[in-house]
Amino acid sequence: MSVDSLINVFILLMLIFFIMAVLGNTMFFEVFEGNVIDDYKNFTNFHMSFSLLFSISTGEDWNRIMYDTMRLAPDCIPGRTCGSPIAPIFFIIFIMLVTNIMLNLFILVIIQQF
C-alpha cells in the first residue's frame, strides 16, 4: 500500500541527485586527483558525478572527498587538483538533504501506512 508514496520519495531523491550532480560537475570538473578522487571517483562528467554522489550518500569518505575538492591556489596544481572554496557548503547541504530524505521520509511513509 505504501509503494506509491515510496515511489514519490524516490523520485524526489533522484531529482536532488540530478541537481547536485550537475552542480558538482560544474564546480569540481577540474579536480582529477586527490586522496580519494581518482579515475573512478570524480566529477569530470555527469555519470561520474552521479555515481560519486551515490557513494557519498552511503557515507563513504564524503569528508575526504570534500577536502579533495576544497584545495585552493597555493596548495594545489592548477587544472588537476584545484577545487572551490564553497565545497564544504555543497557537501554539507547534500549530506543533510539526502540523509533527511532517505532516513526520515522513507520511515515516515512506512509508518504512515500502519
Protein backbone atom coordinates (compact mmCIF):
# COMPACT_ATOMS: atom_id res chain seq x y z
CA MET A 1 0.00 0.00 0.00
CA SER A 2 2.91 2.36 0.55
CA VAL A 3 4.60 1.72 -2.81
CA ASP A 4 3.05 4.81 -4.43
CA SER A 5 4.34 7.08 -1.67
CA LEU A 6 7.76 5.43 -1.72
CA ILE A 7 7.98 6.00 -5.48
CA ASN A 8 7.27 9.71 -4.92
CA VAL A 9 10.02 9.91 -2.30
CA PHE A 10 12.40 8.04 -4.63
CA ILE A 11 11.64 10.49 -7.46
CA LEU A 12 12.36 13.40 -5.10
CA LEU A 13 15.65 11.76 -4.13
CA MET A 14 16.63 11.27 -7.79
CA LEU A 15 15.78 14.92 -8.51
CA ILE A 16 18.15 16.02 -5.75
CA PHE A 17 20.84 13.64 -7.06
CA PHE A 18 20.39 15.09 -10.57
CA ILE A 19 20.62 18.72 -9.41
CA MET A 20 23.63 18.08 -7.19
CA ALA A 21 25.40 16.04 -9.89
CA VAL A 22 25.06 18.92 -12.34
CA LEU A 23 26.29 21.39 -9.69
CA GLY A 24 29.18 19.11 -8.74
CA ASN A 25 30.13 18.68 -12.38
CA THR A 26 30.07 22.46 -12.85
CA MET A 27 32.06 23.32 -9.71
CA PHE A 28 34.58 20.47 -9.49
CA PHE A 29 35.23 19.31 -13.08
CA GLU A 30 38.90 20.33 -12.85
CA VAL A 31 39.64 18.08 -9.86
CA PHE A 32 41.16 14.91 -11.33
CA GLU A 33 43.19 13.55 -8.44
CA GLY A 34 43.38 13.67 -4.68
CA ASN A 35 43.38 11.40 -1.66
CA VAL A 36 40.09 9.78 -2.71
CA ILE A 37 39.36 11.31 -6.10
CA ASP A 38 40.86 9.24 -8.90
CA ASP A 39 39.91 7.86 -12.33
CA TYR A 40 36.77 6.18 -10.98
CA LYS A 41 35.61 8.71 -8.39
CA ASN A 42 35.49 12.22 -9.80
CA PHE A 43 33.24 14.98 -11.10
CA THR A 44 34.51 15.03 -14.72
CA ASN A 45 31.15 14.22 -16.34
CA PHE A 46 27.53 13.73 -15.30
CA HIS A 47 27.70 9.94 -14.99
CA MET A 48 30.78 10.01 -12.78
CA SER A 49 29.27 12.81 -10.68
CA PHE A 50 26.05 10.88 -10.19
CA SER A 51 27.83 7.67 -9.18
CA LEU A 52 30.16 9.57 -6.84
CA LEU A 53 27.20 11.28 -5.18
CA PHE A 54 25.52 7.90 -4.79
CA SER A 55 28.58 6.55 -2.99
CA ILE A 56 28.75 9.73 -0.88
CA SER A 57 25.11 9.24 0.12
CA THR A 58 26.08 5.94 1.75
CA GLY A 59 28.58 7.83 3.91
CA GLU A 60 31.69 6.53 2.17
CA ASP A 61 34.58 9.03 2.56
CA TRP A 62 32.44 12.08 1.89
CA ASN A 63 34.56 14.25 4.17
CA ARG A 64 37.80 13.21 2.44
CA ILE A 65 36.24 13.94 -0.96
CA MET A 66 35.18 17.33 0.38
CA TYR A 67 38.77 18.05 1.45
CA ASP A 68 39.99 16.99 -2.01
CA THR A 69 37.63 19.44 -3.71
CA MET A 70 38.32 22.44 -1.47
CA ARG A 71 42.05 22.84 -2.12
CA LEU A 72 42.97 26.31 -3.29
CA ALA A 73 45.82 28.01 -5.17
CA PRO A 74 48.96 27.64 -3.03
CA ASP A 75 48.25 24.00 -2.08
CA CYS A 76 47.07 22.67 -5.44
CA ILE A 77 48.13 22.06 -9.01
CA PRO A 78 46.08 24.29 -11.36
CA GLY A 79 43.92 22.24 -13.69
CA ARG A 80 44.44 18.99 -11.74
CA THR A 81 43.65 19.36 -8.04
CA CYS A 82 42.24 22.89 -7.56
CA GLY A 83 38.69 22.94 -6.28
CA SER A 84 36.32 25.53 -4.94
CA PRO A 85 36.11 27.35 -1.60
CA ILE A 86 32.38 26.60 -1.39
CA ALA A 87 32.91 22.82 -1.44
CA PRO A 88 32.01 22.41 2.28
CA ILE A 89 28.68 24.13 1.69
CA PHE A 90 27.94 21.85 -1.28
CA PHE A 91 28.77 18.63 0.55
CA ILE A 92 27.08 19.51 3.85
CA ILE A 93 23.89 20.55 2.07
CA PHE A 94 23.97 17.34 0.02
CA ILE A 95 24.52 15.12 3.07
CA MET A 96 21.78 16.89 5.04
CA LEU A 97 19.26 16.63 2.19
CA VAL A 98 19.97 13.01 1.35
CA THR A 99 20.00 11.77 4.92
CA ASN A 100 16.80 13.68 5.62
CA ILE A 101 15.04 12.17 2.61
CA MET A 102 16.44 8.67 2.93
CA LEU A 103 16.03 8.34 6.65
CA ASN A 104 13.08 10.48 7.63
CA LEU A 105 10.81 10.39 4.60
CA PHE A 106 11.16 6.67 3.87
CA ILE A 107 10.47 5.84 7.51
CA LEU A 108 7.62 8.36 7.62
CA VAL A 109 5.93 6.79 4.59
CA ILE A 110 6.22 3.29 6.02
CA ILE A 111 5.00 4.30 9.49
CA GLN A 112 2.14 6.31 7.99
CA GLN A 113 0.72 3.14 6.43
CA PHE A 114 0.38 1.39 9.81
